[in-house]
Amino acid sequence: MLLATAPRVLGPGETIQLPVTVFGLEPHVKQASVSLSANPFFEVVGVTTKTVSFPGLVSNWYTST
């Protein structure tokens, strides 16, 4: 799952950084590749693809009885 947070309003010529949170919800998923592409209104400056790794389960969210 991916969650990106972008500004509501941008002006011509403005540059932003786009924060992205990537969640590895399935235990078998160890890596994910995230890509950002341009369109007629936006230009990507810098790296367009990034690979992230999920180190494994850190803690239990619940316990069963």
N, C-alpha and C. Protein backbone atom coordinates (compact mmCIF):
# COMPACT_ATOMS: atom_id res chain seq x y z
N MET A 1 0.85 -1.17 0.00
CA MET A 1 0.00 0.00 0.00
C MET A 1 0.89 1.23 0.00
N LEU A 2 0.44 2.27 -0.69
CA LEU A 2 1.21 3.49 -0.83
C LEU A 2 0.37 4.67 -0.40
N LEU A 3 0.97 5.60 0.34
CA LEU A 3 0.30 6.81 0.77
C LEU A 3 1.19 7.99 0.42
N ALA A 4 0.72 8.85 -0.48
CA ALA A 4 1.47 10.04 -0.87
C ALA A 4 0.74 11.28 -0.37
N THR A 5 1.50 12.28 0.04
CA THR A 5 0.92 13.51 0.55
C THR A 5 1.40 14.66 -0.32
N ALA A 6 0.49 15.25 -1.08
CA ALA A 6 0.84 16.34 -1.99
C ALA A 6 0.13 17.62 -1.56
N PRO A 7 0.70 18.77 -1.89
CA PRO A 7 0.02 20.04 -1.58
C PRO A 7 -1.30 20.17 -2.35
N ARG A 8 -2.22 20.91 -1.81
CA ARG A 8 -3.51 21.13 -2.48
C ARG A 8 -3.38 22.05 -3.68
N VAL A 9 -2.49 23.04 -3.57
CA VAL A 9 -2.35 24.05 -4.62
C VAL A 9 -0.88 24.21 -4.97
N LEU A 10 -0.61 24.28 -6.27
CA LEU A 10 0.74 24.56 -6.77
C LEU A 10 0.67 25.70 -7.76
N GLY A 11 1.68 26.55 -7.75
CA GLY A 11 1.75 27.63 -8.72
C GLY A 11 2.75 27.29 -9.82
N PRO A 12 2.67 27.98 -10.93
CA PRO A 12 3.61 27.75 -12.04
C PRO A 12 5.05 27.95 -11.59
N GLY A 13 5.91 27.01 -11.94
CA GLY A 13 7.33 27.11 -11.61
C GLY A 13 7.70 26.66 -10.21
N GLU A 14 6.73 26.27 -9.40
CA GLU A 14 7.04 25.81 -8.04
C GLU A 14 7.65 24.42 -8.08
N THR A 15 8.53 24.15 -7.14
CA THR A 15 9.13 22.83 -6.96
C THR A 15 8.72 22.30 -5.60
N ILE A 16 8.29 21.03 -5.56
CA ILE A 16 7.89 20.41 -4.29
C ILE A 16 8.64 19.09 -4.11
N GLN A 17 8.68 18.64 -2.88
CA GLN A 17 9.10 17.28 -2.58
C GLN A 17 7.84 16.51 -2.22
N LEU A 18 7.73 15.31 -2.75
CA LEU A 18 6.53 14.50 -2.54
C LEU A 18 6.84 13.40 -1.53
N PRO A 19 6.40 13.57 -0.27
CA PRO A 19 6.62 12.51 0.71
C PRO A 19 5.73 11.31 0.42
N VAL A 20 6.30 10.12 0.50
CA VAL A 20 5.57 8.89 0.22
C VAL A 20 5.85 7.88 1.33
N THR A 21 4.80 7.24 1.82
CA THR A 21 4.94 6.16 2.80
C THR A 21 4.52 4.86 2.11
N VAL A 22 5.38 3.85 2.19
CA VAL A 22 5.10 2.55 1.58
C VAL A 22 4.93 1.54 2.71
N PHE A 23 3.81 0.82 2.69
CA PHE A 23 3.52 -0.18 3.71
C PHE A 23 3.68 -1.58 3.11
N GLY A 24 4.44 -2.44 3.77
CA GLY A 24 4.54 -3.85 3.37
C GLY A 24 3.59 -4.66 4.23
N LEU A 25 2.38 -4.88 3.75
CA LEU A 25 1.35 -5.51 4.56
C LEU A 25 1.36 -7.04 4.50
N GLU A 26 1.99 -7.60 3.51
CA GLU A 26 2.06 -9.05 3.39
C GLU A 26 3.43 -9.53 3.84
N PRO A 27 3.51 -10.58 4.67
CA PRO A 27 4.79 -11.03 5.19
C PRO A 27 5.77 -11.52 4.12
N HIS A 28 5.26 -11.99 2.98
CA HIS A 28 6.16 -12.50 1.94
C HIS A 28 6.75 -11.38 1.07
N VAL A 29 6.23 -10.17 1.20
CA VAL A 29 6.76 -9.04 0.41
C VAL A 29 7.98 -8.48 1.13
N LYS A 30 9.13 -8.56 0.49
CA LYS A 30 10.38 -8.10 1.09
C LYS A 30 10.89 -6.82 0.45
N GLN A 31 10.48 -6.53 -0.79
CA GLN A 31 10.89 -5.32 -1.50
C GLN A 31 9.74 -4.79 -2.34
N ALA A 32 9.79 -3.49 -2.60
CA ALA A 32 8.82 -2.87 -3.50
C ALA A 32 9.53 -1.80 -4.30
N SER A 33 9.09 -1.61 -5.52
CA SER A 33 9.63 -0.58 -6.38
C SER A 33 8.54 0.48 -6.58
N VAL A 34 8.88 1.73 -6.33
CA VAL A 34 7.94 2.84 -6.45
C VAL A 34 8.42 3.74 -7.57
N SER A 35 7.53 4.05 -8.53
CA SER A 35 7.88 4.89 -9.67
C SER A 35 6.98 6.11 -9.73
N LEU A 36 7.55 7.21 -10.17
CA LEU A 36 6.83 8.45 -10.36
C LEU A 36 7.00 8.86 -11.81
N SER A 37 5.89 9.15 -12.48
CA SER A 37 5.98 9.53 -13.89
C SER A 37 5.43 10.93 -14.10
N ALA A 38 5.91 11.57 -15.14
CA ALA A 38 5.49 12.93 -15.47
C ALA A 38 4.21 12.90 -16.29
N ASN A 39 3.56 14.06 -16.37
CA ASN A 39 2.43 14.24 -17.26
C ASN A 39 2.56 15.65 -17.86
N PRO A 40 1.63 16.11 -18.68
CA PRO A 40 1.80 17.43 -19.29
C PRO A 40 1.89 18.60 -18.29
N PHE A 41 1.44 18.40 -17.06
CA PHE A 41 1.44 19.47 -16.07
C PHE A 41 2.59 19.40 -15.08
N PHE A 42 3.23 18.24 -14.96
CA PHE A 42 4.28 18.05 -13.97
C PHE A 42 5.53 17.43 -14.60
N GLU A 43 6.67 17.85 -14.11
CA GLU A 43 7.96 17.32 -14.54
C GLU A 43 8.63 16.69 -13.33
N VAL A 44 9.18 15.51 -13.48
CA VAL A 44 9.89 14.85 -12.39
C VAL A 44 11.34 15.33 -12.44
N VAL A 45 11.83 15.85 -11.33
CA VAL A 45 13.21 16.30 -11.22
C VAL A 45 13.93 15.31 -10.31
N GLY A 46 14.93 14.62 -10.83
CA GLY A 46 15.66 13.65 -10.03
C GLY A 46 15.26 12.23 -10.37
N VAL A 47 15.41 11.37 -9.40
CA VAL A 47 15.17 9.93 -9.57
C VAL A 47 13.68 9.67 -9.75
N THR A 48 13.33 8.83 -10.71
CA THR A 48 11.92 8.51 -10.96
C THR A 48 11.50 7.17 -10.36
N THR A 49 12.46 6.32 -10.01
CA THR A 49 12.15 5.01 -9.43
C THR A 49 13.01 4.78 -8.20
N LYS A 50 12.41 4.25 -7.16
CA LYS A 50 13.12 3.94 -5.93
C LYS A 50 12.68 2.56 -5.45
N THR A 51 13.61 1.76 -4.99
CA THR A 51 13.31 0.44 -4.43
C THR A 51 13.46 0.51 -2.91
N VAL A 52 12.46 0.03 -2.21
CA VAL A 52 12.50 0.01 -0.74
C VAL A 52 12.45 -1.44 -0.26
N SER A 53 13.05 -1.68 0.90
CA SER A 53 13.07 -3.02 1.49
C SER A 53 12.33 -3.00 2.82
N PHE A 54 11.68 -4.10 3.11
CA PHE A 54 10.98 -4.27 4.37
C PHE A 54 11.76 -5.27 5.20
N PRO A 55 12.30 -4.85 6.35
CA PRO A 55 13.20 -5.71 7.12
C PRO A 55 12.52 -6.90 7.80
N GLY A 56 11.23 -6.88 7.95
CA GLY A 56 10.54 -7.99 8.62
C GLY A 56 9.66 -7.48 9.73
N LEU A 57 9.04 -8.40 10.41
CA LEU A 57 8.10 -8.06 11.47
C LEU A 57 8.85 -7.47 12.66
N VAL A 58 8.46 -6.28 13.11
CA VAL A 58 9.10 -5.63 14.23
C VAL A 58 8.39 -5.95 15.53
N SER A 59 7.08 -5.95 15.50
CA SER A 59 6.31 -6.26 16.71
C SER A 59 4.97 -6.87 16.33
N ASN A 60 4.31 -7.49 17.27
CA ASN A 60 2.99 -8.05 17.04
C ASN A 60 1.93 -6.99 17.26
N TRP A 61 0.96 -6.91 16.37
CA TRP A 61 -0.13 -5.96 16.51
C TRP A 61 -1.21 -6.51 17.42
N TYR A 62 -1.34 -7.83 17.49
CA TYR A 62 -2.36 -8.42 18.32
C TYR A 62 -1.87 -9.78 18.80
N THR A 63 -2.51 -10.30 19.81
CA THR A 63 -2.22 -11.65 20.27
C THR A 63 -3.54 -12.41 20.35
N SER A 64 -3.48 -13.67 20.06
CA SER A 64 -4.69 -14.49 20.13
C SER A 64 -4.66 -15.32 21.40
N THR A 65 -5.84 -15.63 21.90
CA THR A 65 -5.90 -16.43 23.14
C THR A 65 -6.52 -17.78 22.87
